[in-house]
Protein backbone atom coordinates (compact mmCIF):
# COMPACT_ATOMS: atom_id res chain seq x y z
CA UNK A 1 -111.01 43.94 12.96
CA UNK A 2 -113.91 43.77 15.41
CA UNK A 3 -117.36 45.07 14.57
CA UNK A 4 -116.97 48.10 16.82
CA UNK A 5 -113.83 49.11 14.88
CA UNK A 6 -115.62 48.85 11.56
CA UNK A 7 -117.71 51.86 12.56
CA UNK A 8 -115.92 54.52 14.55
CA UNK A 9 -117.97 56.92 16.67
CA UNK A 10 -116.42 59.96 18.32
CA UNK A 11 -118.01 62.79 20.26
CA UNK A 12 -117.70 66.46 19.40
CA UNK A 13 -119.80 67.98 22.15
CA UNK A 14 -123.40 66.99 21.41
CA UNK A 15 -122.47 65.80 17.90
CA UNK A 16 -121.51 62.21 17.14
CA UNK A 17 -119.20 61.71 14.17
CA UNK A 18 -119.85 58.25 12.69
CA UNK A 19 -117.19 56.97 10.29
CA UNK A 20 -117.46 53.88 8.10
CA UNK A 21 -114.03 52.34 8.65
CA UNK A 22 -113.08 49.93 5.87
CA UNK A 23 -110.86 52.28 3.85
CA UNK A 24 -108.91 49.35 2.39
CA UNK A 25 -112.19 48.23 0.75
CA UNK A 26 -113.43 51.75 -0.04
CA UNK A 27 -115.88 51.35 2.87
CA UNK A 28 -117.84 48.73 0.96
CA UNK A 29 -120.46 47.01 3.11
CA UNK A 30 -119.54 43.44 3.84
CA UNK A 31 -121.74 41.55 6.29
CA UNK A 32 -119.79 42.53 9.43
CA UNK A 33 -119.93 46.23 8.49
CA UNK A 34 -123.70 46.03 7.99
CA UNK A 35 -124.13 44.56 11.46
CA UNK A 36 -121.74 47.08 13.01
CA UNK A 37 -123.52 50.00 11.36
CA UNK A 38 -126.96 48.88 12.56
CA UNK A 39 -125.50 48.44 16.05
CA UNK A 40 -124.05 51.97 15.89
CA UNK A 41 -127.43 53.43 14.94
CA UNK A 42 -129.10 51.60 17.82
CA UNK A 43 -126.45 52.87 20.24
CA UNK A 44 -127.04 56.43 19.01
CA UNK A 45 -130.76 55.99 19.63
CA UNK A 46 -129.98 55.39 23.32
CA UNK A 47 -127.49 58.28 23.63
CA UNK A 48 -129.41 60.94 25.54
CA UNK A 49 -126.60 63.48 25.22
CA UNK A 50 -126.44 63.25 21.42
CA UNK A 51 -128.23 65.92 19.41
CA UNK A 52 -126.89 65.46 15.86
CA UNK A 53 -124.76 63.12 13.75
CA UNK A 54 -122.15 63.50 11.02
CA UNK A 55 -121.87 60.42 8.80
CA UNK A 56 -118.77 59.98 6.65
CA UNK A 57 -116.28 57.43 5.34
CA UNK A 58 -112.65 56.79 6.23
CA UNK A 59 -110.11 57.51 3.52
CA UNK A 60 -111.09 58.90 0.13
CA UNK A 61 -114.45 57.14 -0.35
CA UNK A 62 -117.79 57.61 1.37
CA UNK A 63 -118.85 54.06 0.52
CA UNK A 64 -118.50 51.85 -2.54
CA UNK A 65 -121.78 50.13 -1.66
CA UNK A 66 -122.20 46.39 -1.25
CA UNK A 67 -119.04 44.30 -1.11
CA UNK A 68 -118.90 42.07 -4.18
CA UNK A 69 -117.07 39.50 -2.09
CA UNK A 70 -120.36 38.82 -0.30
CA UNK A 71 -122.15 37.77 -3.46
CA UNK A 72 -120.92 34.17 -3.42
CA UNK A 73 -122.62 33.41 -0.10
CA UNK A 74 -125.99 34.66 -1.32
CA UNK A 75 -126.78 31.46 -3.22
CA UNK A 76 -127.76 29.48 -0.15
CA UNK A 77 -131.42 30.39 0.38
CA UNK A 78 -131.51 30.73 4.17
CA UNK A 79 -128.37 32.88 4.17
CA UNK A 80 -129.74 35.10 1.40
CA UNK A 81 -133.09 35.42 3.18
CA UNK A 82 -131.33 36.52 6.37
CA UNK A 83 -129.21 39.20 4.68
CA UNK A 84 -132.09 40.60 2.66
CA UNK A 85 -133.92 41.04 5.95
CA UNK A 86 -130.84 42.81 7.34
CA UNK A 87 -130.80 45.11 4.30
CA UNK A 88 -134.34 46.20 5.10
CA UNK A 89 -133.42 46.61 8.77
CA UNK A 90 -130.52 48.93 7.91
CA UNK A 91 -132.85 51.20 5.94
CA UNK A 92 -135.45 51.08 8.72
CA UNK A 93 -132.90 52.12 11.35
CA UNK A 94 -131.64 55.00 9.20
CA UNK A 95 -135.10 56.38 8.48
CA UNK A 96 -136.34 56.16 12.05
CA UNK A 97 -133.21 57.57 13.68
CA UNK A 98 -134.48 60.55 15.69
CA UNK A 99 -131.22 62.51 15.44
CA UNK A 100 -130.58 64.78 12.44
CA UNK A 101 -127.87 63.21 10.27
CA UNK A 102 -125.51 65.28 8.15
CA UNK A 103 -123.88 63.15 5.46
CA UNK A 104 -120.35 64.32 4.65
CA UNK A 105 -119.86 62.63 1.29
CA UNK A 106 -116.09 62.70 1.03
CA UNK A 107 -115.78 60.66 -2.16
CA UNK A 108 -117.69 58.11 -4.20
CA UNK A 109 -121.14 57.20 -2.83
CA UNK A 110 -122.17 54.12 -4.79
CA UNK A 111 -125.15 51.77 -4.47
CA UNK A 112 -125.87 51.26 -0.78
CA UNK A 113 -123.43 54.08 -0.03
CA UNK A 114 -125.51 56.40 -2.16
CA UNK A 115 -128.69 55.25 -0.42
CA UNK A 116 -127.14 55.97 2.99
CA UNK A 117 -126.37 59.52 1.93
CA UNK A 118 -129.90 60.02 0.61
CA UNK A 119 -131.45 58.63 3.80
CA UNK A 120 -129.58 61.31 5.75
CA UNK A 121 -131.18 64.67 6.51
CA UNK A 122 -128.64 67.07 5.03
CA UNK A 123 -126.07 66.09 2.42
CA UNK A 124 -122.77 67.89 1.89
CA UNK A 125 -120.56 66.65 -0.93
CA UNK A 126 -116.88 67.20 -1.54
CA UNK A 127 -116.32 68.93 -4.86
CA UNK A 128 -114.62 65.81 -6.25
CA UNK A 129 -117.27 63.36 -4.99
CA UNK A 130 -119.99 61.66 -7.01
CA UNK A 131 -123.09 59.49 -6.58
CA UNK A 132 -124.18 56.46 -8.58
CA UNK A 133 -126.47 53.47 -8.17
CA UNK A 134 -125.17 50.71 -10.50
CA UNK A 135 -127.34 47.84 -9.24
CA UNK A 136 -129.02 47.18 -12.58
CA UNK A 137 -125.72 46.98 -14.47
CA UNK A 138 -124.62 44.27 -12.03
CA UNK A 139 -127.83 42.33 -12.68
CA UNK A 140 -129.46 43.34 -9.40
CA UNK A 141 -132.71 45.09 -8.55
CA UNK A 142 -132.04 48.48 -6.89
CA UNK A 143 -133.59 47.42 -3.59
CA UNK A 144 -131.51 48.91 -0.77
CA UNK A 145 -133.31 52.23 -0.92
CA UNK A 146 -132.89 53.42 -4.49
CA UNK A 147 -136.37 52.45 -5.67
CA UNK A 148 -137.84 54.19 -2.62
CA UNK A 149 -135.77 57.35 -2.40
CA UNK A 150 -134.92 58.44 -5.93
CA UNK A 151 -138.48 58.95 -7.25
CA UNK A 152 -139.33 61.09 -4.22
CA UNK A 153 -136.20 63.21 -4.59
CA UNK A 154 -135.79 63.66 -8.35
CA UNK A 155 -139.09 62.52 -9.90
CA UNK A 156 -139.97 59.32 -11.68
CA UNK A 157 -138.40 59.99 -15.08
CA UNK A 158 -135.02 61.01 -13.71
CA UNK A 159 -135.11 58.21 -11.14
CA UNK A 160 -135.61 55.69 -13.92
CA UNK A 161 -132.81 57.22 -15.99
CA UNK A 162 -130.21 57.12 -13.23
CA UNK A 163 -131.28 53.82 -11.64
CA UNK A 164 -131.54 51.96 -14.93
CA UNK A 165 -128.38 53.38 -16.51
CA UNK A 166 -126.33 53.71 -13.33
CA UNK A 167 -124.54 56.83 -14.51
CA UNK A 168 -122.28 58.83 -12.23
CA UNK A 169 -123.65 62.11 -10.91
CA UNK A 170 -120.96 64.67 -10.01
CA UNK A 171 -121.40 66.77 -6.89
CA UNK A 172 -122.68 69.92 -8.60
CA UNK A 173 -125.20 67.92 -10.63
CA UNK A 174 -126.33 66.10 -7.47
CA UNK A 175 -127.20 69.46 -5.89
CA UNK A 176 -129.08 70.57 -9.01
CA UNK A 177 -131.05 67.30 -9.05
CA UNK A 178 -131.99 67.56 -5.36
CA UNK A 179 -129.79 64.69 -4.18
CA UNK A 180 -127.51 66.93 -2.10
CA UNK A 181 -127.72 70.28 -0.35
CA UNK A 182 -124.38 71.83 -1.18
CA UNK A 183 -120.90 71.26 -2.56
CA UNK A 184 -117.90 71.95 -0.33
CA UNK A 185 -114.16 72.01 -1.10
CA UNK A 186 -112.86 68.56 -0.17
CA UNK A 187 -110.36 69.98 2.32
CA UNK A 188 -113.17 71.76 4.23
CA UNK A 189 -115.82 69.05 4.12
CA UNK A 190 -115.55 67.58 7.61
CA UNK A 191 -115.20 71.01 9.21
CA UNK A 192 -118.30 72.35 7.43
CA UNK A 193 -120.33 69.20 8.12
CA UNK A 194 -119.42 69.38 11.80
CA UNK A 195 -120.32 73.08 11.95
CA UNK A 196 -123.69 72.35 10.36
CA UNK A 197 -124.34 69.48 12.78
CA UNK A 198 -123.43 71.75 15.69
CA UNK A 199 -125.96 74.30 14.48
CA UNK A 200 -128.61 71.58 14.47
CA UNK A 201 -127.50 70.39 17.91
CA UNK A 202 -127.93 73.91 19.31
CA UNK A 203 -131.59 74.14 18.23
CA UNK A 204 -134.47 73.06 20.51
CA UNK A 205 -134.06 69.29 20.43
CA UNK A 206 -137.74 68.31 20.59
CA UNK A 207 -138.65 70.62 17.71
CA UNK A 208 -135.78 69.29 15.60
CA UNK A 209 -136.43 65.62 16.29
CA UNK A 210 -140.19 65.71 15.84
CA UNK A 211 -139.98 67.83 12.68
CA UNK A 212 -137.59 65.27 11.24
CA UNK A 213 -139.91 62.46 12.34
CA UNK A 214 -142.93 64.09 10.69
CA UNK A 215 -141.04 64.46 7.40
CA UNK A 216 -139.51 60.98 7.53
CA UNK A 217 -142.90 59.34 8.06
CA UNK A 218 -143.45 59.82 4.34
CA UNK A 219 -140.20 58.01 3.55
CA UNK A 220 -140.93 55.27 6.08
CA UNK A 221 -144.38 54.68 4.60
CA UNK A 222 -142.89 54.48 1.11
CA UNK A 223 -140.23 52.06 2.34
CA UNK A 224 -142.90 49.92 4.00
CA UNK A 225 -144.83 49.70 0.71
CA UNK A 226 -141.92 49.21 -1.67
CA UNK A 227 -138.97 47.52 0.03
CA UNK A 228 -140.56 44.10 0.67
CA UNK A 229 -141.18 43.68 -3.05
CA UNK A 230 -137.84 45.23 -4.02
CA UNK A 231 -135.73 43.12 -1.65
CA UNK A 232 -137.57 39.95 -2.70
CA UNK A 233 -136.87 40.82 -6.32
CA UNK A 234 -133.21 41.52 -5.55
CA UNK A 235 -133.00 38.15 -3.83
CA UNK A 236 -134.26 36.56 -7.04
CA UNK A 237 -131.56 38.43 -8.97
CA UNK A 238 -128.96 36.08 -7.51
CA UNK A 239 -130.53 33.24 -9.51
CA UNK A 240 -129.81 34.96 -12.83
CA UNK A 241 -126.97 34.53 -15.30
CA UNK A 242 -126.46 38.31 -15.27
CA UNK A 243 -125.24 38.26 -11.66
CA UNK A 244 -123.06 35.20 -12.22
CA UNK A 245 -121.49 36.89 -15.24
CA UNK A 246 -120.88 40.04 -13.20
CA UNK A 247 -119.21 38.04 -10.44
CA UNK A 248 -117.02 36.23 -12.95
CA UNK A 249 -115.58 39.57 -14.09
CA UNK A 250 -114.19 39.92 -10.56
CA UNK A 251 -112.96 36.35 -10.34
CA UNK A 252 -115.75 35.23 -8.01
CA UNK A 253 -117.26 31.79 -8.57
CA UNK A 254 -120.98 32.12 -9.13
CA UNK A 255 -121.62 28.44 -9.79
CA UNK A 256 -124.54 27.23 -7.67
CA UNK A 257 -123.76 23.56 -8.20
C-alpha cells in the first residue's frame, strides 16, 4: 500500500474527510503511516478551498496508537533519533493546522491515537468508543502529546492518574473529564461529525482560523517547552528492560546485541 493510500482524503464540499487507513492493524501508526499523515496535513494547509476537516479511522478503531512492530528498529540510535524528530513534527503539524478539525472517534483511541483526537478542535465519540494512553505500562514516557495535552485539559492530578495508570476512559467519562465534546450513537457518528464540520465551514473563514490559532498558541507554546524533554526521555525508554520485556510479550526481539 502506498503512502497516499494509508491516509484517504475525500472532499465533501468545503470539508475534507481524512481517514487513517490501516484497518487491518487497527490504524496503528507504523512509520509509513506517520509520514503519510504528515504529508496529508501539509497538503491540507495548501488547499485554499478547504474550510474544515473531519478526522477518523477506517474500520472499527480510531487508532491503536504506535505500531509495536516498529519498536525493534528503534534500537539503532540514528534511526531512533530520526523517528523521535518525526513524532514531534506530527504534533507540530496538528497544532498549527489552520483548519478546524473535528475528530470522529469511531472506536478505540489509544496512545498516539488518543493524542491525535485531543489535538483536534472538536471531539465527537461513538458511544462504544474509549480513550487510553498506556505508554507507561509499556515502559515508555508519554511523549507524543500526552504530557502536554492532558494537564491542560483535565488538570494535573487527573492527568497523572490516567497517564501513569493507563486506564481506559469510556466515551461518557471522556466528555465529563473534558477530553471530548459529545457522545454520538456509533451509527450516526460520521454523519454528525460531517454536519458539525460543515457548520464550521460555513462560518467566516478568517474569524474561525484566527480564533483557532489564538487558542492553539497556548498548546504550541506548551509543546515547545515540554516535548523536547519528553521525546528525549521516551527515546531513552528504549534502552530499558521494561520495553524489552513488553516487546517480548508480543514475540518481538528486543535484544540490542
